[in-house]
Amino acid sequence: MKRCILFALLLLPLLVFSAPPPPNDEMPRPGGEVWNEQLETLLIARLTRILEMKPDQAKEFFPLLNEFQDKNKGLRKEHQDLMMKLHQLGDTTGTATAAEVDHTIKALADNQKLVMQSVSSFMTDAVKVLQPWQVARLQIFIIRFPERVEQIMRERMGGNPDGMHRGPGRMRGREPEPDDDR
């Protein structure tokens, strides 16, 4: 019975994402509760498919993943805040001090080290549940999934492939420079 329920839970995301998308005015906006739920569903569906997990593996793996995500929530928030601060420092056109920029860059590097340590620890735990080839795919997924999410966010915030600066609340009217990676 538990296997049937687990299988149904793993199959549900495939059904949700195989349905045609709603019109653009009904699309959830990044950051909202519906968006977060869809993102979580996408994550589970993609991981299940890419890792070709068996139900018993999924039963052991997803609690590890949830624990990893919970531990990293603060690190992700800190990273977002530091990146926002760097953008602000870059937009001040001459008023940012070298000390502010240096401090923010060092804090960002420290944050990235903590993230990498956390990923390494998670992968050590994943080896206990997954086959080596699945762990290799998982590492690739961990690197590429955020890129895919960013792409989806860009599409939903106005369809501008060059960056997110055109979406709601962003710097309207600002033309990106050729190497602008916002």
N, C-alpha and C. Protein backbone atom coordinates (compact mmCIF):
# COMPACT_ATOMS: atom_id res chain seq x y z
N MET A 1 0.82 -1.19 0.00
CA MET A 1 0.00 0.00 0.00
C MET A 1 0.87 1.26 0.00
N LYS A 2 1.93 1.25 0.83
CA LYS A 2 2.80 2.42 0.90
C LYS A 2 3.47 2.67 -0.45
N ARG A 3 3.84 1.59 -1.14
CA ARG A 3 4.47 1.74 -2.45
C ARG A 3 3.51 2.36 -3.45
N CYS A 4 2.26 1.97 -3.39
CA CYS A 4 1.25 2.54 -4.29
C CYS A 4 1.09 4.03 -4.04
N ILE A 5 1.04 4.42 -2.78
CA ILE A 5 0.90 5.84 -2.44
C ILE A 5 2.13 6.61 -2.88
N LEU A 6 3.32 6.07 -2.61
CA LEU A 6 4.55 6.74 -3.02
C LEU A 6 4.62 6.86 -4.52
N PHE A 7 4.26 5.80 -5.23
CA PHE A 7 4.27 5.83 -6.69
C PHE A 7 3.30 6.88 -7.21
N ALA A 8 2.12 6.96 -6.60
CA ALA A 8 1.12 7.96 -7.01
C ALA A 8 1.65 9.37 -6.76
N LEU A 9 2.32 9.57 -5.64
CA LEU A 9 2.88 10.89 -5.34
C LEU A 9 3.97 11.26 -6.34
N LEU A 10 4.74 10.29 -6.76
CA LEU A 10 5.81 10.55 -7.72
C LEU A 10 5.26 10.75 -9.12
N LEU A 11 4.13 10.12 -9.43
CA LEU A 11 3.53 10.24 -10.75
C LEU A 11 2.72 11.52 -10.89
N LEU A 12 2.17 12.03 -9.81
CA LEU A 12 1.34 13.23 -9.83
C LEU A 12 2.03 14.42 -10.50
N PRO A 13 3.30 14.71 -10.17
CA PRO A 13 3.95 15.84 -10.82
C PRO A 13 4.00 15.71 -12.34
N LEU A 14 4.16 14.52 -12.85
CA LEU A 14 4.18 14.34 -14.30
C LEU A 14 2.85 14.73 -14.92
N LEU A 15 1.77 14.39 -14.24
CA LEU A 15 0.45 14.75 -14.73
C LEU A 15 0.23 16.26 -14.67
N VAL A 16 0.70 16.89 -13.60
CA VAL A 16 0.54 18.33 -13.44
C VAL A 16 1.28 19.08 -14.53
N PHE A 17 2.51 18.66 -14.83
CA PHE A 17 3.32 19.38 -15.80
C PHE A 17 3.06 18.96 -17.23
N SER A 18 2.27 17.91 -17.46
CA SER A 18 1.93 17.53 -18.81
C SER A 18 0.68 18.27 -19.30
N ALA A 19 -0.05 18.90 -18.40
CA ALA A 19 -1.23 19.68 -18.77
C ALA A 19 -0.78 20.95 -19.49
N PRO A 20 -1.59 21.45 -20.42
CA PRO A 20 -1.21 22.69 -21.10
C PRO A 20 -1.13 23.84 -20.11
N PRO A 21 -0.20 24.77 -20.33
CA PRO A 21 -0.06 25.87 -19.39
C PRO A 21 -1.26 26.81 -19.45
N PRO A 22 -1.57 27.46 -18.33
CA PRO A 22 -2.67 28.43 -18.34
C PRO A 22 -2.25 29.67 -19.11
N PRO A 23 -3.21 30.51 -19.49
CA PRO A 23 -2.85 31.76 -20.16
C PRO A 23 -1.90 32.57 -19.29
N ASN A 24 -1.12 33.46 -19.91
CA ASN A 24 -0.09 34.22 -19.19
C ASN A 24 -0.61 34.98 -17.99
N ASP A 25 -1.85 35.48 -18.06
CA ASP A 25 -2.35 36.23 -16.91
C ASP A 25 -2.66 35.34 -15.72
N GLU A 26 -2.72 34.01 -15.93
CA GLU A 26 -2.96 33.08 -14.84
C GLU A 26 -1.69 32.39 -14.37
N MET A 27 -0.58 32.67 -15.02
CA MET A 27 0.68 32.03 -14.65
C MET A 27 1.13 32.55 -13.29
N PRO A 28 1.53 31.65 -12.39
CA PRO A 28 2.00 32.13 -11.08
C PRO A 28 3.30 32.90 -11.23
N ARG A 29 3.45 33.89 -10.41
CA ARG A 29 4.66 34.70 -10.43
C ARG A 29 5.73 34.09 -9.53
N PRO A 30 6.98 34.19 -9.95
CA PRO A 30 8.07 33.69 -9.10
C PRO A 30 8.03 34.28 -7.71
N GLY A 31 8.28 33.41 -6.72
CA GLY A 31 8.31 33.86 -5.34
C GLY A 31 7.02 33.64 -4.58
N GLY A 32 5.93 33.43 -5.29
CA GLY A 32 4.66 33.21 -4.61
C GLY A 32 4.51 31.77 -4.14
N GLU A 33 3.46 31.53 -3.36
CA GLU A 33 3.24 30.20 -2.80
C GLU A 33 2.98 29.17 -3.90
N VAL A 34 2.16 29.53 -4.89
CA VAL A 34 1.86 28.61 -5.99
C VAL A 34 3.14 28.32 -6.77
N TRP A 35 3.93 29.34 -6.99
CA TRP A 35 5.21 29.17 -7.69
C TRP A 35 6.11 28.18 -6.94
N ASN A 36 6.22 28.36 -5.63
CA ASN A 36 7.07 27.48 -4.83
C ASN A 36 6.58 26.04 -4.87
N GLU A 37 5.25 25.86 -4.83
CA GLU A 37 4.70 24.51 -4.92
C GLU A 37 5.00 23.88 -6.27
N GLN A 38 4.86 24.66 -7.35
CA GLN A 38 5.15 24.14 -8.67
C GLN A 38 6.64 23.82 -8.82
N LEU A 39 7.47 24.65 -8.24
CA LEU A 39 8.91 24.42 -8.30
C LEU A 39 9.27 23.13 -7.56
N GLU A 40 8.67 22.91 -6.40
CA GLU A 40 8.91 21.70 -5.63
C GLU A 40 8.45 20.47 -6.41
N THR A 41 7.28 20.57 -7.05
CA THR A 41 6.76 19.48 -7.85
C THR A 41 7.68 19.18 -9.03
N LEU A 42 8.15 20.23 -9.68
CA LEU A 42 9.08 20.08 -10.80
C LEU A 42 10.37 19.41 -10.34
N LEU A 43 10.89 19.83 -9.21
CA LEU A 43 12.11 19.26 -8.66
C LEU A 43 11.95 17.76 -8.43
N ILE A 44 10.87 17.36 -7.79
CA ILE A 44 10.63 15.94 -7.49
C ILE A 44 10.47 15.14 -8.79
N ALA A 45 9.68 15.67 -9.71
CA ALA A 45 9.45 14.96 -10.97
C ALA A 45 10.74 14.79 -11.76
N ARG A 46 11.51 15.86 -11.87
CA ARG A 46 12.76 15.78 -12.63
C ARG A 46 13.75 14.83 -11.98
N LEU A 47 13.92 14.95 -10.68
CA LEU A 47 14.86 14.06 -9.99
C LEU A 47 14.46 12.60 -10.12
N THR A 48 13.18 12.33 -9.96
CA THR A 48 12.69 10.95 -10.07
C THR A 48 12.98 10.39 -11.46
N ARG A 49 12.75 11.21 -12.48
CA ARG A 49 12.98 10.77 -13.85
C ARG A 49 14.47 10.65 -14.17
N ILE A 50 15.23 11.66 -13.85
CA ILE A 50 16.66 11.67 -14.19
C ILE A 50 17.43 10.60 -13.44
N LEU A 51 17.10 10.40 -12.17
CA LEU A 51 17.82 9.42 -11.37
C LEU A 51 17.24 8.00 -11.51
N GLU A 52 16.13 7.89 -12.23
CA GLU A 52 15.48 6.59 -12.44
C GLU A 52 15.35 5.84 -11.10
N MET A 53 14.83 6.55 -10.11
CA MET A 53 14.74 5.99 -8.77
C MET A 53 13.64 4.95 -8.65
N LYS A 54 13.94 3.93 -7.88
CA LYS A 54 12.95 2.94 -7.51
C LYS A 54 12.21 3.49 -6.29
N PRO A 55 10.99 3.02 -6.03
CA PRO A 55 10.21 3.54 -4.89
C PRO A 55 10.95 3.46 -3.56
N ASP A 56 11.69 2.37 -3.32
CA ASP A 56 12.40 2.26 -2.05
C ASP A 56 13.53 3.28 -1.95
N GLN A 57 14.17 3.58 -3.08
CA GLN A 57 15.21 4.62 -3.08
C GLN A 57 14.58 5.99 -2.82
N ALA A 58 13.47 6.26 -3.50
CA ALA A 58 12.80 7.56 -3.34
C ALA A 58 12.37 7.76 -1.89
N LYS A 59 11.91 6.70 -1.26
CA LYS A 59 11.45 6.77 0.12
C LYS A 59 12.59 7.19 1.06
N GLU A 60 13.82 6.76 0.75
CA GLU A 60 14.97 7.12 1.57
C GLU A 60 15.62 8.42 1.11
N PHE A 61 15.57 8.69 -0.20
CA PHE A 61 16.28 9.85 -0.74
C PHE A 61 15.59 11.17 -0.44
N PHE A 62 14.28 11.25 -0.64
CA PHE A 62 13.61 12.54 -0.52
C PHE A 62 13.65 13.13 0.89
N PRO A 63 13.61 12.34 1.94
CA PRO A 63 13.84 12.94 3.27
C PRO A 63 15.25 13.56 3.40
N LEU A 64 16.26 12.91 2.78
CA LEU A 64 17.60 13.50 2.77
C LEU A 64 17.61 14.83 2.02
N LEU A 65 16.93 14.83 0.88
CA LEU A 65 16.86 16.05 0.08
C LEU A 65 16.15 17.17 0.85
N ASN A 66 15.05 16.83 1.51
CA ASN A 66 14.31 17.83 2.28
C ASN A 66 15.18 18.42 3.40
N GLU A 67 15.92 17.56 4.06
CA GLU A 67 16.82 18.01 5.12
C GLU A 67 17.90 18.94 4.55
N PHE A 68 18.46 18.55 3.41
CA PHE A 68 19.47 19.37 2.73
C PHE A 68 18.89 20.74 2.36
N GLN A 69 17.69 20.76 1.81
CA GLN A 69 17.07 22.02 1.42
C GLN A 69 16.77 22.90 2.64
N ASP A 70 16.31 22.29 3.71
CA ASP A 70 16.03 23.05 4.93
C ASP A 70 17.30 23.69 5.48
N LYS A 71 18.39 22.92 5.49
CA LYS A 71 19.67 23.44 6.00
C LYS A 71 20.18 24.59 5.15
N ASN A 72 19.91 24.54 3.85
CA ASN A 72 20.45 25.53 2.93
C ASN A 72 19.55 26.73 2.69
N LYS A 73 18.37 26.73 3.27
CA LYS A 73 17.45 27.85 3.06
C LYS A 73 18.10 29.17 3.49
N GLY A 74 18.74 29.18 4.64
CA GLY A 74 19.39 30.38 5.12
C GLY A 74 20.57 30.79 4.25
N LEU A 75 21.32 29.82 3.77
CA LEU A 75 22.46 30.12 2.89
C LEU A 75 21.98 30.72 1.57
N ARG A 76 20.88 30.18 1.03
CA ARG A 76 20.34 30.73 -0.23
C ARG A 76 19.86 32.17 -0.03
N LYS A 77 19.20 32.42 1.10
CA LYS A 77 18.71 33.77 1.39
C LYS A 77 19.89 34.73 1.54
N GLU A 78 20.93 34.29 2.26
CA GLU A 78 22.12 35.13 2.43
C GLU A 78 22.77 35.41 1.07
N HIS A 79 22.82 34.41 0.20
CA HIS A 79 23.40 34.59 -1.12
C HIS A 79 22.61 35.62 -1.92
N GLN A 80 21.28 35.51 -1.89
CA GLN A 80 20.43 36.47 -2.59
C GLN A 80 20.65 37.89 -2.06
N ASP A 81 20.72 38.02 -0.74
CA ASP A 81 20.93 39.34 -0.14
C ASP A 81 22.28 39.93 -0.54
N LEU A 82 23.32 39.10 -0.54
CA LEU A 82 24.65 39.58 -0.92
C LEU A 82 24.70 39.96 -2.40
N MET A 83 24.05 39.18 -3.24
CA MET A 83 24.02 39.52 -4.66
C MET A 83 23.26 40.83 -4.88
N MET A 84 22.17 41.01 -4.14
CA MET A 84 21.41 42.26 -4.24
C MET A 84 22.28 43.44 -3.82
N LYS A 85 23.03 43.24 -2.74
CA LYS A 85 23.91 44.31 -2.27
C LYS A 85 24.98 44.62 -3.31
N LEU A 86 25.54 43.59 -3.95
CA LEU A 86 26.53 43.84 -5.00
C LEU A 86 25.92 44.62 -6.16
N HIS A 87 24.70 44.26 -6.54
CA HIS A 87 24.03 45.01 -7.60
C HIS A 87 23.83 46.47 -7.19
N GLN A 88 23.44 46.69 -5.94
CA GLN A 88 23.24 48.05 -5.46
C GLN A 88 24.56 48.81 -5.45
N LEU A 89 25.62 48.16 -5.00
CA LEU A 89 26.93 48.81 -4.99
C LEU A 89 27.38 49.13 -6.41
N GLY A 90 27.06 48.26 -7.34
CA GLY A 90 27.42 48.49 -8.73
C GLY A 90 26.61 49.58 -9.39
N ASP A 91 25.43 49.84 -8.89
CA ASP A 91 24.56 50.86 -9.47
C ASP A 91 24.73 52.24 -8.83
N THR A 92 25.60 52.36 -7.85
CA THR A 92 25.73 53.64 -7.16
C THR A 92 26.61 54.63 -7.90
N THR A 93 27.18 54.23 -9.00
CA THR A 93 28.02 55.09 -9.85
C THR A 93 28.97 55.99 -9.06
N GLY A 94 29.91 55.36 -8.39
CA GLY A 94 30.98 56.10 -7.75
C GLY A 94 30.84 56.32 -6.26
N THR A 95 29.71 56.03 -5.66
CA THR A 95 29.56 56.29 -4.23
C THR A 95 29.91 55.09 -3.37
N ALA A 96 30.07 53.92 -3.97
CA ALA A 96 30.45 52.73 -3.21
C ALA A 96 31.92 52.81 -2.83
N THR A 97 32.23 52.41 -1.62
CA THR A 97 33.63 52.42 -1.19
C THR A 97 34.27 51.06 -1.50
N ALA A 98 35.57 51.07 -1.62
CA ALA A 98 36.31 49.84 -1.87
C ALA A 98 36.10 48.85 -0.73
N ALA A 99 36.02 49.38 0.50
CA ALA A 99 35.84 48.51 1.66
C ALA A 99 34.48 47.81 1.61
N GLU A 100 33.42 48.54 1.21
CA GLU A 100 32.09 47.93 1.11
C GLU A 100 32.07 46.81 0.07
N VAL A 101 32.63 47.10 -1.07
CA VAL A 101 32.66 46.12 -2.16
C VAL A 101 33.49 44.91 -1.74
N ASP A 102 34.66 45.15 -1.17
CA ASP A 102 35.54 44.07 -0.74
C ASP A 102 34.87 43.19 0.31
N HIS A 103 34.24 43.84 1.29
CA HIS A 103 33.55 43.10 2.35
C HIS A 103 32.43 42.22 1.77
N THR A 104 31.66 42.76 0.85
CA THR A 104 30.55 42.02 0.25
C THR A 104 31.06 40.85 -0.58
N ILE A 105 32.12 41.06 -1.33
CA ILE A 105 32.69 39.99 -2.16
C ILE A 105 33.24 38.87 -1.27
N LYS A 106 33.92 39.23 -0.18
CA LYS A 106 34.44 38.23 0.73
C LYS A 106 33.30 37.46 1.41
N ALA A 107 32.24 38.16 1.80
CA ALA A 107 31.09 37.49 2.42
C ALA A 107 30.43 36.54 1.42
N LEU A 108 30.35 36.94 0.17
CA LEU A 108 29.78 36.08 -0.86
C LEU A 108 30.65 34.83 -1.07
N ALA A 109 31.96 35.01 -1.08
CA ALA A 109 32.87 33.86 -1.22
C ALA A 109 32.72 32.91 -0.03
N ASP A 110 32.61 33.46 1.17
CA ASP A 110 32.41 32.62 2.36
C ASP A 110 31.10 31.85 2.26
N ASN A 111 30.05 32.51 1.79
CA ASN A 111 28.76 31.87 1.61
C ASN A 111 28.87 30.72 0.61
N GLN A 112 29.56 30.95 -0.49
CA GLN A 112 29.69 29.91 -1.50
C GLN A 112 30.49 28.71 -0.97
N LYS A 113 31.48 28.96 -0.11
CA LYS A 113 32.23 27.86 0.50
C LYS A 113 31.31 27.02 1.38
N LEU A 114 30.46 27.68 2.16
CA LEU A 114 29.52 26.96 3.02
C LEU A 114 28.53 26.14 2.19
N VAL A 115 28.08 26.70 1.09
CA VAL A 115 27.17 25.98 0.20
C VAL A 115 27.86 24.73 -0.35
N MET A 116 29.09 24.87 -0.80
CA MET A 116 29.82 23.73 -1.35
C MET A 116 30.07 22.66 -0.29
N GLN A 117 30.35 23.07 0.94
CA GLN A 117 30.52 22.10 2.03
C GLN A 117 29.21 21.36 2.28
N SER A 118 28.12 22.07 2.23
CA SER A 118 26.81 21.46 2.44
C SER A 118 26.48 20.48 1.32
N VAL A 119 26.77 20.86 0.08
CA VAL A 119 26.52 19.98 -1.07
C VAL A 119 27.38 18.72 -0.93
N SER A 120 28.63 18.89 -0.55
CA SER A 120 29.53 17.75 -0.38
C SER A 120 28.99 16.79 0.69
N SER A 121 28.53 17.34 1.79
CA SER A 121 27.95 16.52 2.85
C SER A 121 26.70 15.79 2.37
N PHE A 122 25.86 16.49 1.63
CA PHE A 122 24.64 15.88 1.08
C PHE A 122 24.98 14.74 0.12
N MET A 123 25.99 14.95 -0.71
CA MET A 123 26.39 13.91 -1.66
C MET A 123 26.93 12.68 -0.92
N THR A 124 27.62 12.90 0.17
CA THR A 124 28.12 11.78 0.98
C THR A 124 26.93 10.97 1.51
N ASP A 125 25.89 11.66 1.93
CA ASP A 125 24.68 10.97 2.41
C ASP A 125 23.95 10.28 1.26
N ALA A 126 23.93 10.92 0.09
CA ALA A 126 23.22 10.37 -1.06
C ALA A 126 23.85 9.06 -1.54
N VAL A 127 25.16 8.94 -1.40
CA VAL A 127 25.86 7.72 -1.81
C VAL A 127 25.34 6.51 -1.03
N LYS A 128 24.85 6.74 0.15
CA LYS A 128 24.32 5.64 0.97
C LYS A 128 22.98 5.12 0.45
N VAL A 129 22.31 5.93 -0.38
CA VAL A 129 20.98 5.57 -0.87
C VAL A 129 20.98 5.28 -2.37
N LEU A 130 21.80 6.00 -3.12
CA LEU A 130 21.79 5.92 -4.57
C LEU A 130 23.00 5.15 -5.11
N GLN A 131 22.87 4.70 -6.34
CA GLN A 131 23.97 4.07 -7.04
C GLN A 131 24.96 5.16 -7.49
N PRO A 132 26.24 4.81 -7.72
CA PRO A 132 27.21 5.83 -8.13
C PRO A 132 26.79 6.62 -9.37
N TRP A 133 26.22 5.94 -10.37
CA TRP A 133 25.79 6.66 -11.58
C TRP A 133 24.67 7.64 -11.25
N GLN A 134 23.83 7.31 -10.28
CA GLN A 134 22.75 8.21 -9.88
C GLN A 134 23.32 9.43 -9.15
N VAL A 135 24.34 9.21 -8.35
CA VAL A 135 24.98 10.32 -7.64
C VAL A 135 25.62 11.27 -8.64
N ALA A 136 26.25 10.73 -9.68
CA ALA A 136 26.83 11.58 -10.72
C ALA A 136 25.75 12.44 -11.39
N ARG A 137 24.63 11.82 -11.71
CA ARG A 137 23.52 12.57 -12.32
C ARG A 137 22.96 13.61 -11.34
N LEU A 138 22.90 13.25 -10.07
CA LEU A 138 22.40 14.17 -9.05
C LEU A 138 23.28 15.42 -8.97
N GLN A 139 24.59 15.23 -9.01
CA GLN A 139 25.51 16.38 -8.95
C GLN A 139 25.30 17.30 -10.15
N ILE A 140 25.14 16.71 -11.32
CA ILE A 140 24.88 17.53 -12.52
C ILE A 140 23.56 18.27 -12.36
N PHE A 141 22.55 17.58 -11.84
CA PHE A 141 21.24 18.19 -11.64
C PHE A 141 21.33 19.37 -10.67
N ILE A 142 22.06 19.18 -9.58
CA ILE A 142 22.18 20.26 -8.58
C ILE A 142 22.79 21.52 -9.20
N ILE A 143 23.67 21.33 -10.15
CA ILE A 143 24.30 22.47 -10.83
C ILE A 143 23.35 23.09 -11.85
N ARG A 144 22.66 22.27 -12.61
CA ARG A 144 21.85 22.77 -13.73
C ARG A 144 20.43 23.20 -13.36
N PHE A 145 19.84 22.63 -12.33
CA PHE A 145 18.45 22.95 -12.00
C PHE A 145 18.24 24.44 -11.71
N PRO A 146 19.11 25.08 -10.92
CA PRO A 146 18.91 26.52 -10.70
C PRO A 146 18.96 27.34 -11.99
N GLU A 147 19.79 26.92 -12.95
CA GLU A 147 19.86 27.61 -14.24
C GLU A 147 18.52 27.49 -14.97
N ARG A 148 17.94 26.30 -14.90
CA ARG A 148 16.65 26.08 -15.56
C ARG A 148 15.54 26.89 -14.88
N VAL A 149 15.57 26.95 -13.56
CA VAL A 149 14.58 27.74 -12.83
C VAL A 149 14.71 29.22 -13.21
N GLU A 150 15.94 29.70 -13.30
CA GLU A 150 16.15 31.10 -13.69
C GLU A 150 15.60 31.35 -15.08
N GLN A 151 15.79 30.40 -15.99
CA GLN A 151 15.25 30.53 -17.34
C GLN A 151 13.72 30.63 -17.31
N ILE A 152 13.09 29.76 -16.52
CA ILE A 152 11.63 29.80 -16.39
C ILE A 152 11.18 31.13 -15.80
N MET A 153 11.91 31.62 -14.80
CA MET A 153 11.55 32.90 -14.18
C MET A 153 11.63 34.01 -15.21
N ARG A 154 12.67 34.01 -16.02
CA ARG A 154 12.81 35.03 -17.05
C ARG A 154 11.66 34.98 -18.04
N GLU A 155 11.28 33.78 -18.44
CA GLU A 155 10.17 33.63 -19.37
C GLU A 155 8.87 34.15 -18.77
N ARG A 156 8.64 33.88 -17.50
CA ARG A 156 7.39 34.28 -16.85
C ARG A 156 7.38 35.76 -16.48
N MET A 157 8.55 36.37 -16.43
CA MET A 157 8.60 37.78 -16.05
C MET A 157 8.69 38.68 -17.28
N GLY A 158 8.25 38.19 -18.39
CA GLY A 158 8.20 39.05 -19.55
C GLY A 158 8.83 38.44 -20.79
N GLY A 159 9.37 37.26 -20.68
CA GLY A 159 9.90 36.58 -21.85
C GLY A 159 11.19 37.14 -22.39
N ASN A 160 11.89 37.96 -21.63
CA ASN A 160 13.13 38.54 -22.11
C ASN A 160 14.28 37.57 -21.85
N PRO A 161 14.84 36.96 -22.90
CA PRO A 161 15.92 36.00 -22.70
C PRO A 161 17.23 36.64 -22.26
N ASP A 162 17.35 37.97 -22.39
CA ASP A 162 18.60 38.63 -22.04
C ASP A 162 18.75 38.91 -20.56
N GLY A 163 17.70 38.79 -19.78
CA GLY A 163 17.81 39.05 -18.36
C GLY A 163 16.48 39.35 -17.72
N MET A 164 16.50 39.43 -16.40
CA MET A 164 15.28 39.61 -15.65
C MET A 164 14.96 41.09 -15.41
N HIS A 165 15.75 41.99 -15.95
CA HIS A 165 15.58 43.40 -15.65
C HIS A 165 14.32 44.01 -16.24
N ARG A 166 13.55 43.27 -17.00
CA ARG A 166 12.34 43.81 -17.61
C ARG A 166 11.08 43.43 -16.84
N GLY A 167 11.16 42.56 -15.88
CA GLY A 167 9.98 42.07 -15.17
C GLY A 167 9.42 43.09 -14.20
N PRO A 168 8.32 42.74 -13.56
CA PRO A 168 7.70 43.64 -12.60
C PRO A 168 8.66 44.02 -11.49
N GLY A 169 8.72 45.30 -11.20
CA GLY A 169 9.55 45.78 -10.10
C GLY A 169 11.02 45.88 -10.45
N ARG A 170 11.37 45.59 -11.67
CA ARG A 170 12.77 45.67 -12.08
C ARG A 170 13.05 47.03 -12.68
N MET A 171 14.28 47.25 -13.07
CA MET A 171 14.69 48.56 -13.57
C MET A 171 14.20 48.74 -15.00
N ARG A 172 13.00 49.24 -15.13
CA ARG A 172 12.42 49.44 -16.46
C ARG A 172 13.16 50.55 -17.19
N GLY A 173 13.24 50.36 -18.47
CA GLY A 173 13.87 51.39 -19.29
C GLY A 173 15.37 51.27 -19.35
N ARG A 174 15.97 50.44 -18.57
CA ARG A 174 17.42 50.29 -18.57
C ARG A 174 17.79 49.28 -19.64
N GLU A 175 18.60 49.68 -20.57
CA GLU A 175 19.07 48.76 -21.59
C GLU A 175 20.29 48.02 -21.06
N PRO A 176 20.31 46.70 -21.22
CA PRO A 176 21.46 45.94 -20.73
C PRO A 176 22.69 46.21 -21.56
N GLU A 177 23.81 46.23 -20.90
CA GLU A 177 25.06 46.32 -21.63
C GLU A 177 25.35 44.96 -22.21
N PRO A 178 26.19 44.87 -23.25
CA PRO A 178 26.41 43.57 -23.90
C PRO A 178 26.84 42.47 -22.94
N ASP A 179 27.61 42.76 -21.91
CA ASP A 179 28.07 41.73 -21.00
C ASP A 179 27.33 41.77 -19.67
N ASP A 180 26.18 42.42 -19.63
CA ASP A 180 25.39 42.54 -18.41
C ASP A 180 24.77 41.18 -18.08
N ASP A 181 25.08 40.64 -16.91
CA ASP A 181 24.58 39.30 -16.56
C ASP A 181 23.53 39.34 -15.49
N ARG A 182 22.77 40.39 -15.42
CA ARG A 182 21.71 40.47 -14.41
C ARG A 182 20.71 39.45 -14.75
